Amino acid sequence: MGKELLFQVLKHNQVNEIPWVPFAGIHSGKLKGYNATEVLTEGDKLLESLLEVVRLYEPDGMPIVFDLQVEAEILGCELVWADDTPPSVKTHPLAEIDEIPCKCLIPSKKDGRLPMILKVMEEVKKAIGENVALYGLVCGPFTLASHLRGNNIFMDMYDDDKYTKKLLDFCNEVGKRMSEYYIEAGMDIIAVVDPLVSQISSNHFEEFLSRPYTNFFEFLREKNVKSSFFVCGDATRNIEVMCKTNPDCISVDENINMIEAKQITDQYNIVLAGNIPLTTVMLHGNQLDNMAYVIELLNNLDHNNLIISPGCDMPYDIPIENTIAVQMAIKNPEQAREMLKNYEAVEEDIDIELPDYGNLDKPLVEVFTLDSATCAACTYMMDAANVAKEHFGDKIDLVEYKYTIKENIARCKKMGIKNLPSMYINGELKFSSIIPSRGELFETIKCNM
């Protein structure tokens, strides 16, 4: 029923129930007592964890691996591993050289962690593939280009458009090759995950990404699989240009207004998926908070062309009971509404003292992120700030506020922060969901000295 339900929605048919797709990712390991590194490197533990996701959360669809560094690792990026987050990229092979990798470097089935991942995909397909739609996730071309090139990719778009387009074409070919492997292993849906799309303008998207993505989704249609275009952060300005590349589905996170986004995706007859908040609701909320959010989505959105899912890869420590509450509200909305009759949201009263921005000894750069260790857009926003810190040294102060921490959620509310990642200098918003170039950031800091 679950797989068929999801495919009925992707085929734009009317359904009586909304599909549920938990992006359990590393959280799947928590269900069996395994840390993030174990579940992303050891096939037996990954398989065991995924089957537990099915048992506990009863998904209609689910990803096998949620790790945007698989391709980057194969292409020479060093990774930093952690127990409760996916790995992050430490080094960028093309940071100092504007070269295009040789096509011989496009991953083979034997490279990196691919043998383990492909084997698990095949085993999961045999175990549950008749009932659950399986997602194979590939790193989108822009985010993969940033893994290879670092923050220089943002200047490249201004200074060397020909090189940028060639690099994106290479990354697009990597994504298509990975997709072929995943399709052969039994994946029903290929999700192209490109969080950094939210950090560029719609003009830059049209100039650099419209052609690669249109080509990518046409390639997947020829392979007879469904596609999902996954973007994190405030990609509001890019929803329509994303639609024009013709994916089957677009997945968004809590930075996006689902009602407004669905008005756009409906115009193009594209399925919209999202967007249960990962931290304020799923991680720090209770069961009623989670049910209330789902019911609000169901009350306010046309149920045609709709999938309910977390906004992105679920944090490791999300309480199991919260995810079960989400599943229950989706599958039994009337029962959830009955349970919510006397529900009132309770906000913790956390007293936050803001700096005296008008009397600082030196410029204060504050970077507000979901978590720079797990969110690619946040990683590169923080990288830009770290480069500035290295340049200015003790002449500036720098701090990161991660939204996964309750006190920082309260700080964001007090400061009126609307989108993550954002960068403030001396208490003033300077960059919101746009990663600044080195020169632009340096000049902005100098103007505040």
Protein backbone atom coordinates (compact mmCIF):
# COMPACT_ATOMS: atom_id res chain seq x y z
CA MET A 1 0.00 0.00 0.00
CA GLY A 2 2.74 2.48 0.98
CA LYS A 3 4.79 2.27 -2.20
CA GLU A 4 1.69 2.29 -4.40
CA LEU A 5 0.31 5.30 -2.51
CA LEU A 6 3.50 7.26 -3.06
CA PHE A 7 3.58 6.42 -6.75
CA GLN A 8 -0.06 7.39 -7.19
CA VAL A 9 0.86 10.85 -5.87
CA LEU A 10 3.95 11.09 -8.09
CA LYS A 11 1.67 10.20 -11.04
CA HIS A 12 -0.62 13.09 -9.95
CA ASN A 13 -3.60 10.88 -9.13
CA GLN A 14 -6.09 11.74 -6.40
CA VAL A 15 -5.55 9.75 -3.18
CA ASN A 16 -7.38 9.39 0.12
CA GLU A 17 -4.22 9.44 2.24
CA ILE A 18 -1.04 11.54 2.18
CA PRO A 19 2.27 9.65 1.76
CA TRP A 20 4.80 9.75 4.60
CA VAL A 21 8.55 9.74 3.87
CA PRO A 22 10.84 9.98 6.93
CA PHE A 23 14.37 11.07 6.05
CA ALA A 24 15.78 8.97 8.88
CA GLY A 25 19.40 9.09 7.68
CA ILE A 26 21.79 8.82 10.61
CA HIS A 27 18.81 8.80 12.98
CA SER A 28 18.17 5.25 11.80
CA GLY A 29 21.32 4.20 13.64
CA LYS A 30 19.98 5.58 16.92
CA LEU A 31 17.09 3.13 16.68
CA LYS A 32 19.56 0.23 17.06
CA GLY A 33 22.22 1.91 19.21
CA TYR A 34 24.71 2.64 16.40
CA ASN A 35 26.42 5.99 15.92
CA ALA A 36 26.46 7.98 12.67
CA THR A 37 29.88 6.76 11.57
CA GLU A 38 28.92 3.12 12.10
CA VAL A 39 25.68 3.36 10.19
CA LEU A 40 27.38 5.13 7.26
CA THR A 41 30.35 2.77 6.98
CA GLU A 42 29.19 -0.69 8.09
CA GLY A 43 26.64 -2.38 5.85
CA ASP A 44 25.23 -4.83 8.38
CA LYS A 45 24.48 -2.03 10.85
CA LEU A 46 22.98 0.16 8.13
CA LEU A 47 20.70 -2.65 6.97
CA GLU A 48 19.58 -3.45 10.51
CA SER A 49 18.86 0.22 11.17
CA LEU A 50 16.84 0.70 7.98
CA LEU A 51 14.65 -2.30 8.72
CA GLU A 52 14.01 -0.82 12.16
CA VAL A 53 12.89 2.43 10.50
CA VAL A 54 10.32 0.41 8.58
CA ARG A 55 9.14 -1.42 11.69
CA LEU A 56 8.77 1.68 13.88
CA TYR A 57 7.82 4.44 11.47
CA GLU A 58 5.87 2.55 8.77
CA PRO A 59 7.06 4.74 5.88
CA ASP A 60 5.57 4.86 2.40
CA GLY A 61 9.01 5.77 1.08
CA MET A 62 12.49 6.12 2.59
CA PRO A 63 16.10 6.85 1.65
CA ILE A 64 18.83 4.25 2.05
CA VAL A 65 21.66 6.68 2.83
CA PHE A 66 21.46 10.42 3.49
CA ASP A 67 25.08 11.50 3.07
CA LEU A 68 26.05 14.19 0.55
CA GLN A 69 29.73 13.43 0.97
CA VAL A 70 29.81 9.98 -0.69
CA GLU A 71 30.78 11.40 -4.10
CA ALA A 72 33.08 14.04 -2.62
CA GLU A 73 35.04 11.42 -0.69
CA ILE A 74 35.58 9.37 -3.85
CA LEU A 75 36.75 12.48 -5.71
CA GLY A 76 39.45 13.26 -3.15
CA CYS A 77 37.82 15.37 -0.42
CA GLU A 78 38.95 14.53 3.11
CA LEU A 79 36.06 14.08 5.52
CA VAL A 80 35.60 14.80 9.21
CA TRP A 81 33.57 12.09 10.93
CA ALA A 82 31.34 12.43 13.98
CA ASP A 83 29.15 10.20 16.15
CA ASP A 84 25.91 12.14 15.80
CA THR A 85 26.11 13.84 12.39
CA PRO A 86 26.98 12.86 8.83
CA PRO A 87 30.60 13.59 7.89
CA SER A 88 31.56 17.03 6.65
CA VAL A 89 34.04 18.01 3.96
CA LYS A 90 37.42 19.12 5.32
CA THR A 91 39.48 19.68 2.17
CA HIS A 92 38.67 20.82 -1.35
CA PRO A 93 40.92 19.31 -4.06
CA LEU A 94 40.26 22.16 -6.50
CA ALA A 95 40.51 25.01 -4.00
CA GLU A 96 43.81 26.24 -5.44
CA ILE A 97 43.55 24.99 -9.03
CA ASP A 98 40.82 25.84 -11.50
CA GLU A 99 40.89 22.52 -13.32
CA ILE A 100 38.20 20.10 -14.47
CA PRO A 101 38.64 16.56 -13.09
CA CYS A 102 39.35 13.88 -15.66
CA LYS A 103 36.31 11.82 -16.69
CA CYS A 104 38.26 8.78 -15.55
CA LEU A 105 37.62 10.00 -11.99
CA ILE A 106 33.84 9.60 -12.31
CA PRO A 107 33.03 7.00 -9.62
CA SER A 108 32.95 3.31 -10.40
CA LYS A 109 30.98 0.76 -8.40
CA LYS A 110 34.17 -0.24 -6.60
CA ASP A 111 35.07 3.22 -5.31
CA GLY A 112 34.78 4.53 -1.77
CA ARG A 113 31.77 3.35 0.19
CA LEU A 114 29.79 2.47 -2.94
CA PRO A 115 30.24 -1.33 -2.67
CA MET A 116 28.71 -1.24 0.82
CA ILE A 117 25.90 1.13 -0.17
CA LEU A 118 24.94 -0.81 -3.30
CA LYS A 119 24.89 -4.09 -1.41
CA VAL A 120 22.60 -2.64 1.26
CA MET A 121 20.32 -1.18 -1.41
CA GLU A 122 19.94 -4.62 -2.98
CA GLU A 123 19.27 -6.24 0.38
CA VAL A 124 16.69 -3.65 1.40
CA LYS A 125 15.02 -3.99 -1.99
CA LYS A 126 14.64 -7.74 -1.44
CA ALA A 127 13.37 -7.29 2.11
CA ILE A 128 10.81 -4.48 1.74
CA GLY A 129 10.95 -3.24 -1.86
CA GLU A 130 7.47 -4.47 -2.69
CA ASN A 131 5.88 -2.33 0.01
CA VAL A 132 8.13 0.72 0.46
CA ALA A 133 9.39 3.08 -2.26
CA LEU A 134 13.17 3.35 -1.98
CA TYR A 135 15.08 6.59 -2.52
CA GLY A 136 18.64 6.78 -3.80
CA LEU A 137 20.15 10.15 -2.88
CA VAL A 138 22.85 11.77 -5.01
CA CYS A 139 24.73 14.98 -4.34
CA GLY A 140 23.52 17.76 -6.63
CA PRO A 141 26.00 19.33 -9.06
CA PHE A 142 26.29 22.71 -7.36
CA THR A 143 26.90 21.31 -3.89
CA LEU A 144 29.36 18.75 -5.29
CA ALA A 145 31.17 21.54 -7.15
CA SER A 146 31.43 23.45 -3.87
CA HIS A 147 32.84 20.35 -2.16
CA LEU A 148 35.55 20.22 -4.83
CA ARG A 149 36.20 23.94 -5.22
CA GLY A 150 35.29 25.31 -1.79
CA ASN A 151 33.85 28.80 -1.43
CA ASN A 152 35.68 29.81 -4.60
CA ILE A 153 32.73 28.44 -6.57
CA PHE A 154 30.73 31.54 -5.62
CA MET A 155 33.36 33.88 -7.09
CA ASP A 156 33.76 31.63 -10.12
CA MET A 157 30.18 32.39 -11.14
CA TYR A 158 31.17 36.05 -11.47
CA ASP A 159 34.77 35.74 -12.68
CA ASP A 160 34.87 32.62 -14.84
CA ASP A 161 31.50 31.46 -16.06
CA LYS A 162 32.98 29.07 -18.65
CA TYR A 163 34.99 27.20 -16.00
CA THR A 164 31.99 27.10 -13.66
CA LYS A 165 29.76 25.59 -16.33
CA LYS A 166 32.36 22.95 -17.23
CA LEU A 167 32.80 21.99 -13.58
CA LEU A 168 29.03 21.75 -13.12
CA ASP A 169 28.80 19.58 -16.23
CA PHE A 170 31.38 17.21 -14.74
CA CYS A 171 29.47 17.09 -11.43
CA ASN A 172 26.26 16.46 -13.33
CA GLU A 173 27.87 13.47 -15.05
CA VAL A 174 28.94 12.16 -11.63
CA GLY A 175 25.33 12.42 -10.45
CA LYS A 176 24.01 10.58 -13.49
CA ARG A 177 26.56 7.78 -13.07
CA MET A 178 25.67 7.42 -9.40
CA SER A 179 22.00 7.35 -10.36
CA GLU A 180 22.64 4.50 -12.78
CA TYR A 181 24.27 2.45 -10.03
CA TYR A 182 21.40 3.16 -7.63
CA ILE A 183 18.75 2.32 -10.22
CA GLU A 184 20.49 -0.99 -10.97
CA ALA A 185 20.46 -1.69 -7.22
CA GLY A 186 16.67 -1.28 -7.14
CA MET A 187 16.02 2.35 -6.22
CA ASP A 188 12.58 3.59 -7.26
CA ILE A 189 13.21 7.33 -6.89
CA ILE A 190 16.41 9.32 -7.38
CA ALA A 191 16.57 12.37 -5.14
CA VAL A 192 19.08 15.00 -6.22
CA VAL A 193 20.01 16.85 -3.04
CA ASP A 194 21.53 20.28 -3.62
CA PRO A 195 21.28 22.44 -0.49
CA LEU A 196 23.48 25.22 -1.87
CA VAL A 197 20.85 26.07 -4.50
CA SER A 198 19.27 28.18 -1.75
CA GLN A 199 22.41 30.33 -1.59
CA ILE A 200 22.29 31.72 -5.13
CA SER A 201 19.94 34.02 -7.03
CA SER A 202 17.36 32.84 -9.53
CA ASN A 203 19.39 34.54 -12.26
CA HIS A 204 22.44 32.50 -11.35
CA PHE A 205 20.31 29.36 -11.19
CA GLU A 206 19.04 29.98 -14.71
CA GLU A 207 22.50 30.76 -16.03
CA PHE A 208 24.37 27.86 -14.44
CA LEU A 209 21.92 25.17 -13.26
CA SER A 210 18.81 25.20 -15.43
CA ARG A 211 20.49 23.32 -18.28
CA PRO A 212 22.25 20.67 -16.13
CA TYR A 213 19.14 19.97 -14.09
CA THR A 214 16.80 19.82 -17.07
CA ASN A 215 19.24 17.35 -18.61
CA PHE A 216 19.45 15.35 -15.36
CA PHE A 217 15.69 14.93 -14.94
CA GLU A 218 15.26 14.03 -18.60
CA PHE A 219 17.96 11.39 -18.11
CA LEU A 220 16.01 9.93 -15.16
CA ARG A 221 12.77 9.86 -17.13
CA GLU A 222 14.54 7.89 -19.84
CA LYS A 223 15.61 5.44 -17.10
CA ASN A 224 11.94 5.12 -16.08
CA VAL A 225 12.44 6.27 -12.49
CA LYS A 226 10.86 9.13 -10.60
CA SER A 227 12.88 12.13 -9.45
CA SER A 228 12.94 14.49 -6.50
CA PHE A 229 14.76 17.83 -6.36
CA PHE A 230 15.78 18.41 -2.75
CA VAL A 231 16.88 21.88 -1.63
CA CYS A 232 17.58 23.16 1.89
CA GLY A 233 17.40 26.70 3.26
CA ASP A 234 15.40 29.65 2.01
CA ALA A 235 15.11 28.72 -1.66
CA THR A 236 11.88 30.69 -2.06
CA ARG A 237 13.30 32.78 -4.90
CA ASN A 238 14.31 29.63 -6.77
CA ILE A 239 11.20 27.44 -6.48
CA GLU A 240 9.83 28.47 -9.88
CA VAL A 241 13.12 28.09 -11.77
CA MET A 242 13.50 24.68 -10.11
CA CYS A 243 10.03 23.73 -11.37
CA LYS A 244 11.04 24.67 -14.90
CA THR A 245 13.71 21.93 -14.88
CA ASN A 246 10.79 19.45 -14.69
CA PRO A 247 11.43 17.16 -11.70
CA ASP A 248 8.62 14.93 -10.47
CA CYS A 249 8.87 16.31 -6.94
CA ILE A 250 10.47 19.19 -5.05
CA SER A 251 11.37 18.73 -1.37
CA VAL A 252 11.81 21.76 0.91
CA ASP A 253 12.62 22.48 4.54
CA GLU A 254 11.18 24.72 7.24
CA ASN A 255 12.64 27.89 5.69
CA ILE A 256 10.00 27.64 2.95
CA ASN A 257 6.36 28.66 3.30
CA MET A 258 4.62 25.48 2.11
CA ILE A 259 1.41 27.26 1.16
CA GLU A 260 3.19 29.75 -1.08
CA ALA A 261 5.52 27.12 -2.51
CA LYS A 262 2.63 24.80 -3.36
CA GLN A 263 0.91 27.54 -5.28
CA ILE A 264 3.96 27.57 -7.56
CA THR A 265 4.53 23.81 -7.78
CA ASP A 266 0.84 23.25 -8.53
CA GLN A 267 1.11 25.55 -11.54
CA TYR A 268 3.70 23.15 -12.96
CA ASN A 269 1.91 19.98 -11.71
CA ILE A 270 4.90 19.03 -9.56
CA VAL A 271 4.61 17.22 -6.22
CA LEU A 272 5.73 19.18 -3.16
CA ALA A 273 7.29 17.39 -0.16
CA GLY A 274 8.13 18.75 3.29
CA ASN A 275 8.52 20.37 5.70
CA ILE A 276 8.28 19.38 9.40
CA PRO A 277 10.85 21.50 11.31
CA LEU A 278 13.77 19.39 12.44
CA THR A 279 14.78 21.19 15.62
CA THR A 280 11.96 23.26 17.08
CA VAL A 281 9.37 20.53 16.47
CA MET A 282 10.94 17.11 15.89
CA LEU A 283 14.00 17.43 18.15
CA HIS A 284 12.84 19.75 20.93
CA GLY A 285 9.06 19.43 20.73
CA ASN A 286 6.80 16.79 22.25
CA GLN A 287 4.39 14.37 20.60
CA LEU A 288 1.52 16.84 20.56
CA ASP A 289 3.75 19.53 19.00
CA ASN A 290 4.59 17.14 16.18
CA MET A 291 1.00 16.08 15.61
CA ALA A 292 -0.12 19.72 15.67
CA TYR A 293 2.36 20.71 12.98
CA VAL A 294 1.28 17.88 10.70
CA ILE A 295 -2.41 18.67 11.17
CA GLU A 296 -1.76 22.32 10.39
CA LEU A 297 -0.11 21.28 7.11
CA LEU A 298 -3.04 19.01 6.27
CA ASN A 299 -5.55 21.74 7.13
CA ASN A 300 -3.88 24.40 4.99
CA LEU A 301 -2.67 22.52 1.94
CA ASP A 302 -4.43 20.94 -1.03
CA HIS A 303 -3.79 17.22 -0.56
CA ASN A 304 -3.19 16.63 -4.27
CA ASN A 305 0.51 16.49 -5.23
CA LEU A 306 1.63 16.44 -1.58
CA ILE A 307 4.06 14.33 0.47
CA ILE A 308 4.67 14.91 4.19
CA SER A 309 8.27 14.53 5.34
CA PRO A 310 10.83 16.13 7.65
CA GLY A 311 12.47 19.23 6.26
CA CYS A 312 15.77 17.44 5.76
CA ASP A 313 17.93 14.64 7.20
CA MET A 314 16.57 13.98 10.69
CA PRO A 315 18.92 14.83 13.59
CA TYR A 316 20.36 11.79 15.33
CA ASP A 317 18.72 12.43 18.72
CA ILE A 318 15.12 13.08 17.63
CA PRO A 319 12.92 11.26 20.17
CA ILE A 320 11.47 8.10 18.64
CA GLU A 321 8.04 8.90 20.06
CA ASN A 322 7.97 12.23 18.18
CA THR A 323 8.46 10.54 14.82
CA ILE A 324 5.81 7.96 15.67
CA ALA A 325 3.47 10.86 16.51
CA VAL A 326 4.11 12.36 13.06
CA GLN A 327 3.31 9.04 11.40
CA MET A 328 0.12 8.67 13.42
CA ALA A 329 -1.09 12.17 12.54
CA ILE A 330 -0.54 11.56 8.83
CA LYS A 331 -2.22 8.15 8.81
CA ASN A 332 -4.99 8.93 11.34
CA PRO A 333 -5.63 12.68 11.13
CA GLU A 334 -9.10 12.56 12.71
CA GLN A 335 -7.75 10.74 15.75
CA ALA A 336 -4.94 13.29 15.98
CA ARG A 337 -7.40 16.18 15.79
CA GLU A 338 -9.34 14.65 18.67
CA MET A 339 -6.17 14.39 20.75
CA LEU A 340 -5.30 18.02 19.97
CA LYS A 341 -8.62 19.55 21.09
CA ASN A 342 -7.11 20.98 24.26
CA TYR A 343 -3.59 21.43 22.87
CA GLU A 344 -1.72 24.66 23.53
CA ALA A 345 1.85 25.15 22.39
CA VAL A 346 4.21 25.86 25.28
CA GLU A 347 7.30 27.95 24.69
CA GLU A 348 10.20 27.67 27.09
CA ASP A 349 11.02 30.96 28.76
CA ILE A 350 14.75 31.22 28.11
CA ASP A 351 16.25 34.58 28.98
CA ILE A 352 18.74 35.69 26.33
CA GLU A 353 20.98 38.71 26.79
CA LEU A 354 22.09 40.23 23.53
CA PRO A 355 25.45 41.99 23.16
CA ASP A 356 25.56 45.76 23.45
CA TYR A 357 26.03 46.13 19.72
CA GLY A 358 26.42 49.89 19.88
CA ASN A 359 29.45 49.72 22.17
CA LEU A 360 31.54 46.85 20.86
CA ASP A 361 35.32 47.09 20.97
CA LYS A 362 35.62 45.48 17.53
CA PRO A 363 33.33 44.06 14.85
CA LEU A 364 31.30 41.04 15.96
CA VAL A 365 30.44 38.53 13.24
CA GLU A 366 27.58 36.22 14.25
CA VAL A 367 26.67 33.28 12.04
CA PHE A 368 23.30 31.67 12.70
CA THR A 369 23.13 28.14 11.30
CA LEU A 370 21.05 25.01 11.53
CA ASP A 371 24.37 23.33 12.26
CA SER A 372 27.51 23.86 10.18
CA ALA A 373 28.47 20.22 10.80
CA THR A 374 25.37 18.84 9.08
CA CYS A 375 23.92 21.51 6.78
CA ALA A 376 25.98 22.08 3.62
CA ALA A 377 24.76 25.64 3.12
CA CYS A 378 25.59 26.39 6.76
CA THR A 379 29.01 24.78 6.33
CA TYR A 380 29.97 27.12 3.51
CA MET A 381 28.51 30.17 5.22
CA MET A 382 30.63 29.33 8.26
CA ASP A 383 33.66 28.63 6.06
CA ALA A 384 33.36 32.13 4.61
CA ALA A 385 33.28 33.58 8.12
CA ASN A 386 36.28 31.49 9.18
CA VAL A 387 38.28 32.78 6.20
CA ALA A 388 37.47 36.31 7.34
CA LYS A 389 38.57 35.45 10.88
CA GLU A 390 41.88 34.10 9.58
CA HIS A 391 42.40 37.30 7.58
CA PHE A 392 41.44 39.84 10.26
CA GLY A 393 42.61 37.83 13.27
CA ASP A 394 42.06 39.56 16.61
CA LYS A 395 40.58 42.60 14.89
CA ILE A 396 37.18 40.87 14.81
CA ASP A 397 35.20 38.45 16.96
CA LEU A 398 33.35 35.48 15.45
CA VAL A 399 30.71 33.18 16.91
CA GLU A 400 28.40 30.52 15.49
CA TYR A 401 24.92 29.93 16.93
CA LYS A 402 23.58 26.48 16.02
CA TYR A 403 19.80 26.17 15.88
CA THR A 404 20.00 22.68 17.35
CA ILE A 405 20.58 24.26 20.79
CA LYS A 406 17.51 25.55 22.66
CA GLU A 407 19.21 28.75 23.82
CA ASN A 408 20.11 29.59 20.25
CA ILE A 409 16.51 29.05 19.11
CA ALA A 410 15.49 31.62 21.72
CA ARG A 411 18.26 33.95 20.50
CA CYS A 412 17.02 33.68 16.91
CA LYS A 413 13.48 34.52 18.02
CA LYS A 414 14.65 37.50 20.05
CA MET A 415 16.66 38.86 17.12
CA GLY A 416 13.87 38.18 14.64
CA ILE A 417 15.95 35.91 12.42
CA LYS A 418 13.79 34.54 9.62
CA ASN A 419 16.14 32.37 7.57
CA LEU A 420 19.13 30.12 8.16
CA PRO A 421 21.99 30.39 7.51
CA SER A 422 22.34 34.11 8.13
CA MET A 423 25.29 36.32 8.98
CA TYR A 424 25.05 39.38 11.19
CA ILE A 425 27.75 41.98 11.78
CA ASN A 426 27.40 44.17 14.87
CA GLY A 427 23.81 43.01 15.24
CA GLU A 428 22.76 43.89 11.69
CA LEU A 429 21.75 41.34 9.08
CA LYS A 430 24.24 41.38 6.22
CA PHE A 431 23.80 38.04 4.43
CA SER A 432 20.63 35.93 4.54
CA SER A 433 20.70 32.60 2.66
CA ILE A 434 23.36 34.05 0.36
CA ILE A 435 26.97 33.05 0.91
CA PRO A 436 29.18 36.12 0.41
CA SER A 437 32.30 36.13 -1.69
CA ARG A 438 35.61 36.71 0.08
CA GLY A 439 35.89 40.27 -1.25
CA GLU A 440 32.29 41.17 -0.45
CA LEU A 441 32.56 39.90 3.12
CA PHE A 442 35.93 41.56 3.76
CA GLU A 443 34.62 44.89 2.50
CA THR A 444 31.49 44.62 4.65
CA ILE A 445 33.59 43.94 7.73
CA LYS A 446 35.92 46.87 6.97
CA CYS A 447 32.92 49.18 6.73
CA ASN A 448 31.98 48.16 10.28
CA MET A 449 35.39 48.75 11.85
